[in-house]
Amino acid sequence: MGNHNSRSRRRGINPDILAWSGQYANLEGESHEKHVIFEFPSFAEARRFYDSPAYQQARALRAGAAQATFVLVEGAGR
Protein backbone atom coordinates (compact mmCIF):
# COMPACT_ATOMS: atom_id res chain seq x y z
CA MET A 1 0.00 0.00 0.00
CA GLY A 2 2.91 2.34 -0.45
CA ASN A 3 3.71 4.84 2.24
CA HIS A 4 0.07 5.73 2.96
CA ASN A 5 -1.55 4.57 6.18
CA SER A 6 -4.60 2.47 5.30
CA ARG A 7 -6.62 4.38 7.90
CA SER A 8 -5.45 7.86 6.83
CA ARG A 9 -7.91 10.68 7.20
CA ARG A 10 -8.66 13.32 4.60
CA ARG A 11 -9.79 16.88 5.25
CA GLY A 12 -13.51 17.70 5.27
CA ILE A 13 -15.76 14.67 5.51
CA ASN A 14 -12.83 12.44 6.50
CA PRO A 15 -13.39 9.03 4.90
CA ASP A 16 -11.13 6.18 5.92
CA ILE A 17 -8.77 5.02 3.18
CA LEU A 18 -9.06 1.23 3.09
CA ALA A 19 -6.75 0.66 0.11
CA TRP A 20 -4.38 2.88 -1.88
CA SER A 21 -3.03 1.28 -5.06
CA GLY A 22 -0.63 -1.50 -4.16
CA GLN A 23 -0.74 -4.93 -5.67
CA TYR A 24 -3.94 -5.93 -7.45
CA ALA A 25 -5.12 -8.34 -10.12
CA ASN A 26 -7.68 -7.16 -12.66
CA LEU A 27 -9.56 -10.39 -13.34
CA GLU A 28 -12.47 -9.01 -15.36
CA GLY A 29 -13.70 -5.73 -16.77
CA GLU A 30 -11.95 -2.44 -17.38
CA SER A 31 -8.51 -2.14 -15.82
CA HIS A 32 -7.25 0.94 -13.99
CA GLU A 33 -3.68 1.81 -13.10
CA LYS A 34 -4.35 3.21 -9.60
CA HIS A 35 -7.04 2.42 -7.04
CA VAL A 36 -8.28 4.08 -3.88
CA ILE A 37 -11.05 2.65 -1.73
CA PHE A 38 -12.64 5.04 0.75
CA GLU A 39 -15.00 4.09 3.56
CA PHE A 40 -17.63 6.59 4.68
CA PRO A 41 -19.95 6.42 7.69
CA SER A 42 -22.96 6.19 5.34
CA PHE A 43 -24.00 6.26 1.69
CA ALA A 44 -25.32 9.80 2.24
CA GLU A 45 -21.92 10.94 3.58
CA ALA A 46 -20.20 9.45 0.52
CA ARG A 47 -22.55 11.37 -1.74
CA ARG A 48 -22.01 14.54 0.28
CA PHE A 49 -18.24 14.10 -0.17
CA TYR A 50 -18.61 13.69 -3.94
CA ASP A 51 -20.91 16.71 -4.23
CA SER A 52 -18.77 18.89 -1.94
CA PRO A 53 -17.10 22.00 -3.35
CA ALA A 54 -13.72 20.67 -2.17
CA TYR A 55 -14.01 17.41 -4.14
CA GLN A 56 -15.48 19.15 -7.18
CA GLN A 57 -12.50 21.53 -7.16
CA ALA A 58 -10.08 18.59 -7.03
CA ARG A 59 -12.07 16.89 -9.80
CA ALA A 60 -11.75 19.98 -11.99
CA LEU A 61 -7.97 20.03 -11.44
CA ARG A 62 -7.77 16.37 -12.45
CA ALA A 63 -9.81 16.88 -15.65
CA GLY A 64 -7.68 16.32 -18.72
CA ALA A 65 -4.77 14.98 -16.65
CA ALA A 66 -6.26 11.67 -15.54
CA GLN A 67 -9.30 9.47 -15.99
CA ALA A 68 -11.26 8.39 -12.95
CA THR A 69 -14.14 6.14 -12.02
CA PHE A 70 -16.01 7.00 -8.84
CA VAL A 71 -18.57 4.42 -7.75
CA LEU A 72 -20.67 4.54 -4.59
CA VAL A 73 -21.61 1.17 -3.13
CA GLU A 74 -23.63 0.73 0.03
CA GLY A 75 -21.75 -1.56 2.40
CA ALA A 76 -23.00 -4.56 4.27
CA GLY A 77 -22.04 -3.06 7.62
CA ARG A 78 -19.68 -4.53 10.14
PDB file of N, CA and C in Angstrom:
ATOM      1  N   MET A   1       0.805  -1.192   0.000  1.00  0.00           N
ATOM      2  CA  MET A   1       0.000   0.000   0.000  1.00  0.00           C
ATOM      3  C   MET A   1       0.849   1.256   0.000  1.00  0.00           C
ATOM      4  N   GLY A   2       2.054   1.172  -0.393  1.00  0.00           N
ATOM      5  CA  GLY A   2       2.915   2.336  -0.455  1.00  0.00           C
ATOM      6  C   GLY A   2       3.185   2.911   0.911  1.00  0.00           C
ATOM      7  N   ASN A   3       3.406   4.213   0.969  1.00  0.00           N
ATOM      8  CA  ASN A   3       3.710   4.843   2.244  1.00  0.00           C
ATOM      9  C   ASN A   3       2.486   5.519   2.853  1.00  0.00           C
ATOM     10  N   HIS A   4       1.297   5.147   2.420  1.00  0.00           N
ATOM     11  CA  HIS A   4       0.074   5.733   2.960  1.00  0.00           C
ATOM     12  C   HIS A   4      -0.530   4.793   3.993  1.00  0.00           C
ATOM     13  N   ASN A   5      -0.889   5.344   5.132  1.00  0.00           N
ATOM     14  CA  ASN A   5      -1.551   4.573   6.176  1.00  0.00           C
ATOM     15  C   ASN A   5      -2.939   4.189   5.690  1.00  0.00           C
ATOM     16  N   SER A   6      -3.313   2.929   5.819  1.00  0.00           N
ATOM     17  CA  SER A   6      -4.601   2.469   5.304  1.00  0.00           C
ATOM     18  C   SER A   6      -5.775   3.085   6.044  1.00  0.00           C
ATOM     19  N   ARG A   7      -5.553   3.708   7.167  1.00  0.00           N
ATOM     20  CA  ARG A   7      -6.624   4.378   7.900  1.00  0.00           C
ATOM     21  C   ARG A   7      -6.397   5.891   7.921  1.00  0.00           C
ATOM     22  N   SER A   8      -5.689   6.418   6.900  1.00  0.00           N
ATOM     23  CA  SER A   8      -5.446   7.858   6.829  1.00  0.00           C
ATOM     24  C   SER A   8      -6.763   8.608   6.796  1.00  0.00           C
ATOM     25  N   ARG A   9      -6.725   9.847   7.226  1.00  0.00           N
ATOM     26  CA  ARG A   9      -7.914  10.683   7.196  1.00  0.00           C
ATOM     27  C   ARG A   9      -7.687  11.824   6.218  1.00  0.00           C
ATOM     28  N   ARG A  10      -8.706  12.200   5.519  1.00  0.00           N
ATOM     29  CA  ARG A  10      -8.658  13.322   4.597  1.00  0.00           C
ATOM     30  C   ARG A  10      -9.426  14.485   5.205  1.00  0.00           C
ATOM     31  N   ARG A  11      -9.105  15.693   4.759  1.00  0.00           N
ATOM     32  CA  ARG A  11      -9.788  16.882   5.245  1.00  0.00           C
ATOM     33  C   ARG A  11     -11.254  16.879   4.844  1.00  0.00           C
ATOM     34  N   GLY A  12     -12.091  17.579   5.596  1.00  0.00           N
ATOM     35  CA  GLY A  12     -13.508  17.700   5.268  1.00  0.00           C
ATOM     36  C   GLY A  12     -14.318  16.582   5.877  1.00  0.00           C
ATOM     37  N   ILE A  13     -14.874  15.731   5.053  1.00  0.00           N
ATOM     38  CA  ILE A  13     -15.757  14.671   5.511  1.00  0.00           C
ATOM     39  C   ILE A  13     -14.978  13.523   6.139  1.00  0.00           C
ATOM     40  N   ASN A  14     -13.727  13.387   5.847  1.00  0.00           N
ATOM     41  CA  ASN A  14     -12.828  12.436   6.501  1.00  0.00           C
ATOM     42  C   ASN A  14     -13.157  10.957   6.311  1.00  0.00           C
ATOM     43  N   PRO A  15     -13.211  10.479   5.074  1.00  0.00           N
ATOM     44  CA  PRO A  15     -13.394   9.033   4.903  1.00  0.00           C
ATOM     45  C   PRO A  15     -12.127   8.284   5.307  1.00  0.00           C
ATOM     46  N   ASP A  16     -12.289   7.048   5.705  1.00  0.00           N
ATOM     47  CA  ASP A  16     -11.127   6.181   5.917  1.00  0.00           C
ATOM     48  C   ASP A  16     -10.633   5.712   4.559  1.00  0.00           C
ATOM     49  N   ILE A  17      -9.329   5.601   4.398  1.00  0.00           N
ATOM     50  CA  ILE A  17      -8.767   5.019   3.185  1.00  0.00           C
ATOM     51  C   ILE A  17      -8.480   3.555   3.494  1.00  0.00           C
ATOM     52  N   LEU A  18      -9.218   2.659   2.842  1.00  0.00           N
ATOM     53  CA  LEU A  18      -9.059   1.229   3.086  1.00  0.00           C
ATOM     54  C   LEU A  18      -7.979   0.615   2.212  1.00  0.00           C
ATOM     55  N   ALA A  19      -7.787   1.165   1.019  1.00  0.00           N
ATOM     56  CA  ALA A  19      -6.746   0.664   0.111  1.00  0.00           C
ATOM     57  C   ALA A  19      -6.275   1.810  -0.770  1.00  0.00           C
ATOM     58  N   TRP A  20      -4.977   1.840  -1.038  1.00  0.00           N
ATOM     59  CA  TRP A  20      -4.377   2.879  -1.877  1.00  0.00           C
ATOM     60  C   TRP A  20      -3.412   2.183  -2.811  1.00  0.00           C
ATOM     61  N   SER A  21      -3.826   1.963  -4.036  1.00  0.00           N
ATOM     62  CA  SER A  21      -3.030   1.282  -5.056  1.00  0.00           C
ATOM     63  C   SER A  21      -2.480  -0.022  -4.512  1.00  0.00           C
ATOM     64  N   GLY A  22      -1.187  -0.233  -4.596  1.00  0.00           N
ATOM     65  CA  GLY A  22      -0.626  -1.500  -4.155  1.00  0.00           C
ATOM     66  C   GLY A  22      -0.889  -2.595  -5.164  1.00  0.00           C
ATOM     67  N   GLN A  23      -0.587  -3.795  -4.781  1.00  0.00           N
ATOM     68  CA  GLN A  23      -0.745  -4.934  -5.673  1.00  0.00           C
ATOM     69  C   GLN A  23      -2.221  -5.245  -5.896  1.00  0.00           C
ATOM     70  N   TYR A  24      -2.575  -5.531  -7.135  1.00  0.00           N
ATOM     71  CA  TYR A  24      -3.942  -5.933  -7.449  1.00  0.00           C
ATOM     72  C   TYR A  24      -3.910  -6.807  -8.698  1.00  0.00           C
ATOM     73  N   ALA A  25      -4.967  -7.526  -8.925  1.00  0.00           N
ATOM     74  CA  ALA A  25      -5.122  -8.344 -10.124  1.00  0.00           C
ATOM     75  C   ALA A  25      -6.464  -7.997 -10.751  1.00  0.00           C
ATOM     76  N   ASN A  26      -6.445  -7.465 -11.955  1.00  0.00           N
ATOM     77  CA  ASN A  26      -7.683  -7.161 -12.661  1.00  0.00           C
ATOM     78  C   ASN A  26      -8.143  -8.432 -13.368  1.00  0.00           C
ATOM     79  N   LEU A  27      -9.124  -9.095 -12.811  1.00  0.00           N
ATOM     80  CA  LEU A  27      -9.560 -10.387 -13.337  1.00  0.00           C
ATOM     81  C   LEU A  27     -10.635 -10.264 -14.411  1.00  0.00           C
ATOM     82  N   GLU A  28     -11.437  -9.239 -14.351  1.00  0.00           N
ATOM     83  CA  GLU A  28     -12.470  -9.013 -15.363  1.00  0.00           C
ATOM     84  C   GLU A  28     -12.759  -7.530 -15.465  1.00  0.00           C
ATOM     85  N   GLY A  29     -13.270  -7.109 -16.594  1.00  0.00           N
ATOM     86  CA  GLY A  29     -13.702  -5.727 -16.768  1.00  0.00           C
ATOM     87  C   GLY A  29     -12.563  -4.770 -17.046  1.00  0.00           C
ATOM     88  N   GLU A  30     -12.903  -3.496 -17.067  1.00  0.00           N
ATOM     89  CA  GLU A  30     -11.954  -2.439 -17.382  1.00  0.00           C
ATOM     90  C   GLU A  30     -10.869  -2.344 -16.311  1.00  0.00           C
ATOM     91  N   SER A  31      -9.638  -2.231 -16.744  1.00  0.00           N
ATOM     92  CA  SER A  31      -8.508  -2.138 -15.824  1.00  0.00           C
ATOM     93  C   SER A  31      -8.152  -0.680 -15.567  1.00  0.00           C
ATOM     94  N   HIS A  32      -7.718  -0.397 -14.360  1.00  0.00           N
ATOM     95  CA  HIS A  32      -7.255   0.937 -13.986  1.00  0.00           C
ATOM     96  C   HIS A  32      -5.860   0.811 -13.393  1.00  0.00           C
ATOM     97  N   GLU A  33      -5.060   1.847 -13.577  1.00  0.00           N
ATOM     98  CA  GLU A  33      -3.678   1.815 -13.102  1.00  0.00           C
ATOM     99  C   GLU A  33      -3.559   2.031 -11.595  1.00  0.00           C
ATOM    100  N   LYS A  34      -4.378   2.891 -11.037  1.00  0.00           N
ATOM    101  CA  LYS A  34      -4.349   3.210  -9.600  1.00  0.00           C
ATOM    102  C   LYS A  34      -5.731   2.996  -9.011  1.00  0.00           C
ATOM    103  N   HIS A  35      -5.773   2.659  -7.728  1.00  0.00           N
ATOM    104  CA  HIS A  35      -7.036   2.416  -7.040  1.00  0.00           C
ATOM    105  C   HIS A  35      -6.994   3.035  -5.651  1.00  0.00           C
ATOM    106  N   VAL A  36      -8.110   3.604  -5.252  1.00  0.00           N
ATOM    107  CA  VAL A  36      -8.277   4.078  -3.882  1.00  0.00           C
ATOM    108  C   VAL A  36      -9.672   3.647  -3.440  1.00  0.00           C
ATOM    109  N   ILE A  37      -9.762   3.029  -2.282  1.00  0.00           N
ATOM    110  CA  ILE A  37     -11.052   2.647  -1.733  1.00  0.00           C
ATOM    111  C   ILE A  37     -11.246   3.413  -0.435  1.00  0.00           C
ATOM    112  N   PHE A  38     -12.292   4.246  -0.423  1.00  0.00           N
ATOM    113  CA  PHE A  38     -12.643   5.035   0.751  1.00  0.00           C
ATOM    114  C   PHE A  38     -13.807   4.371   1.468  1.00  0.00           C
ATOM    115  N   GLU A  39     -13.845   4.527   2.777  1.00  0.00           N
ATOM    116  CA  GLU A  39     -15.003   4.093   3.557  1.00  0.00           C
ATOM    117  C   GLU A  39     -15.598   5.321   4.229  1.00  0.00           C
ATOM    118  N   PHE A  40     -16.900   5.479   4.077  1.00  0.00           N
ATOM    119  CA  PHE A  40     -17.625   6.589   4.682  1.00  0.00           C
ATOM    120  C   PHE A  40     -18.590   6.046   5.735  1.00  0.00           C
ATOM    121  N   PRO A  41     -19.004   6.872   6.670  1.00  0.00           N
ATOM    122  CA  PRO A  41     -19.950   6.421   7.692  1.00  0.00           C
ATOM    123  C   PRO A  41     -21.291   5.973   7.104  1.00  0.00           C
ATOM    124  N   SER A  42     -21.673   6.542   5.955  1.00  0.00           N
ATOM    125  CA  SER A  42     -22.955   6.194   5.339  1.00  0.00           C
ATOM    126  C   SER A  42     -22.897   6.510   3.845  1.00  0.00           C
ATOM    127  N   PHE A  43     -23.869   5.975   3.115  1.00  0.00           N
ATOM    128  CA  PHE A  43     -23.996   6.265   1.693  1.00  0.00           C
ATOM    129  C   PHE A  43     -24.215   7.761   1.490  1.00  0.00           C
ATOM    130  N   ALA A  44     -25.038   8.363   2.342  1.00  0.00           N
ATOM    131  CA  ALA A  44     -25.315   9.798   2.244  1.00  0.00           C
ATOM    132  C   ALA A  44     -24.051  10.629   2.432  1.00  0.00           C
ATOM    133  N   GLU A  45     -23.184  10.222   3.364  1.00  0.00           N
ATOM    134  CA  GLU A  45     -21.922  10.938   3.575  1.00  0.00           C
ATOM    135  C   GLU A  45     -21.005  10.800   2.362  1.00  0.00           C
ATOM    136  N   ALA A  46     -21.005   9.645   1.734  1.00  0.00           N
ATOM    137  CA  ALA A  46     -20.200   9.454   0.524  1.00  0.00           C
ATOM    138  C   ALA A  46     -20.690  10.387  -0.576  1.00  0.00           C
ATOM    139  N   ARG A  47     -21.988  10.484  -0.720  1.00  0.00           N
ATOM    140  CA  ARG A  47     -22.551  11.368  -1.737  1.00  0.00           C
ATOM    141  C   ARG A  47     -22.248  12.825  -1.417  1.00  0.00           C
ATOM    142  N   ARG A  48     -22.313  13.169  -0.132  1.00  0.00           N
ATOM    143  CA  ARG A  48     -22.008  14.541   0.284  1.00  0.00           C
ATOM    144  C   ARG A  48     -20.556  14.879  -0.034  1.00  0.00           C
ATOM    145  N   PHE A  49     -19.647  13.918   0.178  1.00  0.00           N
ATOM    146  CA  PHE A  49     -18.237  14.099  -0.173  1.00  0.00           C
ATOM    147  C   PHE A  49     -18.092  14.366  -1.665  1.00  0.00           C
ATOM    148  N   TYR A  50     -18.724  13.539  -2.490  1.00  0.00           N
ATOM    149  CA  TYR A  50     -18.613  13.689  -3.941  1.00  0.00           C
ATOM    150  C   TYR A  50     -19.160  15.035  -4.401  1.00  0.00           C
ATOM    151  N   ASP A  51     -20.268  15.460  -3.839  1.00  0.00           N
ATOM    152  CA  ASP A  51     -20.912  16.710  -4.232  1.00  0.00           C
ATOM    153  C   ASP A  51     -20.274  17.948  -3.606  1.00  0.00           C
ATOM    154  N   SER A  52     -19.354  17.757  -2.666  1.00  0.00           N
ATOM    155  CA  SER A  52     -18.774  18.891  -1.944  1.00  0.00           C
ATOM    156  C   SER A  52     -17.952  19.789  -2.863  1.00  0.00           C
ATOM    157  N   PRO A  53     -17.930  21.081  -2.568  1.00  0.00           N
ATOM    158  CA  PRO A  53     -17.104  21.998  -3.354  1.00  0.00           C
ATOM    159  C   PRO A  53     -15.624  21.586  -3.358  1.00  0.00           C
ATOM    160  N   ALA A  54     -15.130  21.064  -2.247  1.00  0.00           N
ATOM    161  CA  ALA A  54     -13.716  20.668  -2.174  1.00  0.00           C
ATOM    162  C   ALA A  54     -13.411  19.536  -3.152  1.00  0.00           C
ATOM    163  N   TYR A  55     -14.269  18.502  -3.196  1.00  0.00           N
ATOM    164  CA  TYR A  55     -14.013  17.409  -4.139  1.00  0.00           C
ATOM    165  C   TYR A  55     -14.226  17.874  -5.572  1.00  0.00           C
ATOM    166  N   GLN A  56     -15.236  18.677  -5.815  1.00  0.00           N
ATOM    167  CA  GLN A  56     -15.477  19.153  -7.176  1.00  0.00           C
ATOM    168  C   GLN A  56     -14.320  20.017  -7.682  1.00  0.00           C
ATOM    169  N   GLN A  57     -13.679  20.755  -6.781  1.00  0.00           N
ATOM    170  CA  GLN A  57     -12.501  21.531  -7.159  1.00  0.00           C
ATOM    171  C   GLN A  57     -11.354  20.594  -7.523  1.00  0.00           C
ATOM    172  N   ALA A  58     -11.131  19.572  -6.729  1.00  0.00           N
ATOM    173  CA  ALA A  58     -10.084  18.588  -7.032  1.00  0.00           C
ATOM    174  C   ALA A  58     -10.391  17.872  -8.340  1.00  0.00           C
ATOM    175  N   ARG A  59     -11.648  17.551  -8.564  1.00  0.00           N
ATOM    176  CA  ARG A  59     -12.072  16.887  -9.800  1.00  0.00           C
ATOM    177  C   ARG A  59     -11.763  17.762 -11.013  1.00  0.00           C
ATOM    178  N   ALA A  60     -12.030  19.053 -10.894  1.00  0.00           N
ATOM    179  CA  ALA A  60     -11.752  19.978 -11.990  1.00  0.00           C
ATOM    180  C   ALA A  60     -10.256  20.050 -12.286  1.00  0.00           C
ATOM    181  N   LEU A  61      -9.427  20.009 -11.245  1.00  0.00           N
ATOM    182  CA  LEU A  61      -7.975  20.030 -11.444  1.00  0.00           C
ATOM    183  C   LEU A  61      -7.491  18.767 -12.142  1.00  0.00           C
ATOM    184  N   ARG A  62      -8.158  17.655 -11.876  1.00  0.00           N
ATOM    185  CA  ARG A  62      -7.773  16.368 -12.453  1.00  0.00           C
ATOM    186  C   ARG A  62      -8.207  16.245 -13.922  1.00  0.00           C
ATOM    187  N   ALA A  63      -9.251  16.976 -14.305  1.00  0.00           N
ATOM    188  CA  ALA A  63      -9.813  16.882 -15.653  1.00  0.00           C
ATOM    189  C   ALA A  63      -8.732  17.108 -16.703  1.00  0.00           C
ATOM    190  N   GLY A  64      -8.662  16.212 -17.653  1.00  0.00           N
ATOM    191  CA  GLY A  64      -7.675  16.320 -18.719  1.00  0.00           C
ATOM    192  C   GLY A  64      -6.327  15.725 -18.366  1.00  0.00           C
ATOM    193  N   ALA A  65      -6.060  15.532 -17.086  1.00  0.00           N
ATOM    194  CA  ALA A  65      -4.774  14.984 -16.653  1.00  0.00           C
ATOM    195  C   ALA A  65      -4.884  13.498 -16.319  1.00  0.00           C
ATOM    196  N   ALA A  66      -6.074  13.061 -15.937  1.00  0.00           N
ATOM    197  CA  ALA A  66      -6.259  11.666 -15.543  1.00  0.00           C
ATOM    198  C   ALA A  66      -7.717  11.282 -15.719  1.00  0.00           C
ATOM    199  N   GLN A  67      -7.944  10.002 -15.938  1.00  0.00           N
ATOM    200  CA  GLN A  67      -9.301   9.472 -15.985  1.00  0.00           C
ATOM    201  C   GLN A  67      -9.620   8.882 -14.624  1.00  0.00           C
ATOM    202  N   ALA A  68     -10.875   8.928 -14.256  1.00  0.00           N
ATOM    203  CA  ALA A  68     -11.262   8.389 -12.950  1.00  0.00           C
ATOM    204  C   ALA A  68     -12.632   7.733 -13.048  1.00  0.00           C
ATOM    205  N   THR A  69     -12.838   6.765 -12.196  1.00  0.00           N
ATOM    206  CA  THR A  69     -14.137   6.136 -12.016  1.00  0.00           C
ATOM    207  C   THR A  69     -14.471   6.262 -10.539  1.00  0.00           C
ATOM    208  N   PHE A  70     -15.616   6.804 -10.224  1.00  0.00           N
ATOM    209  CA  PHE A  70     -16.012   6.997  -8.842  1.00  0.00           C
ATOM    210  C   PHE A  70     -17.351   6.298  -8.682  1.00  0.00           C
ATOM    211  N   VAL A  71     -17.365   5.226  -7.926  1.00  0.00           N
ATOM    212  CA  VAL A  71     -18.571   4.421  -7.750  1.00  0.00           C
ATOM    213  C   VAL A  71     -18.933   4.395  -6.270  1.00  0.00           C
ATOM    214  N   LEU A  72     -20.190   4.647  -5.957  1.00  0.00           N
ATOM    215  CA  LEU A  72     -20.668   4.542  -4.586  1.00  0.00           C
ATOM    216  C   LEU A  72     -21.379   3.209  -4.440  1.00  0.00           C
ATOM    217  N   VAL A  73     -21.001   2.470  -3.405  1.00  0.00           N
ATOM    218  CA  VAL A  73     -21.613   1.172  -3.129  1.00  0.00           C
ATOM    219  C   VAL A  73     -21.971   1.120  -1.653  1.00  0.00           C
ATOM    220  N   GLU A  74     -23.218   0.843  -1.358  1.00  0.00           N
ATOM    221  CA  GLU A  74     -23.626   0.728   0.031  1.00  0.00           C
ATOM    222  C   GLU A  74     -23.040  -0.546   0.615  1.00  0.00           C
ATOM    223  N   GLY A  75     -22.397  -0.420   1.768  1.00  0.00           N
ATOM    224  CA  GLY A  75     -21.751  -1.563   2.402  1.00  0.00           C
ATOM    225  C   GLY A  75     -22.718  -2.457   3.140  1.00  0.00           C
ATOM    226  N   ALA A  76     -22.202  -3.580   3.536  1.00  0.00           N
ATOM    227  CA  ALA A  76     -23.001  -4.562   4.273  1.00  0.00           C
ATOM    228  C   ALA A  76     -22.970  -4.312   5.768  1.00  0.00           C
ATOM    229  N   GLY A  77     -22.175  -3.331   6.194  1.00  0.00           N
ATOM    230  CA  GLY A  77     -22.036  -3.057   7.617  1.00  0.00           C
ATOM    231  C   GLY A  77     -21.072  -4.038   8.259  1.00  0.00           C
ATOM    232  N   ARG A  78     -20.626  -3.665   9.425  1.00  0.00           N
ATOM    233  CA  ARG A  78     -19.676  -4.534  10.141  1.00  0.00           C
ATOM    234  C   ARG A  78     -20.120  -4.732  11.545  1.00  0.00           C
TER     235      ARG A  78
END
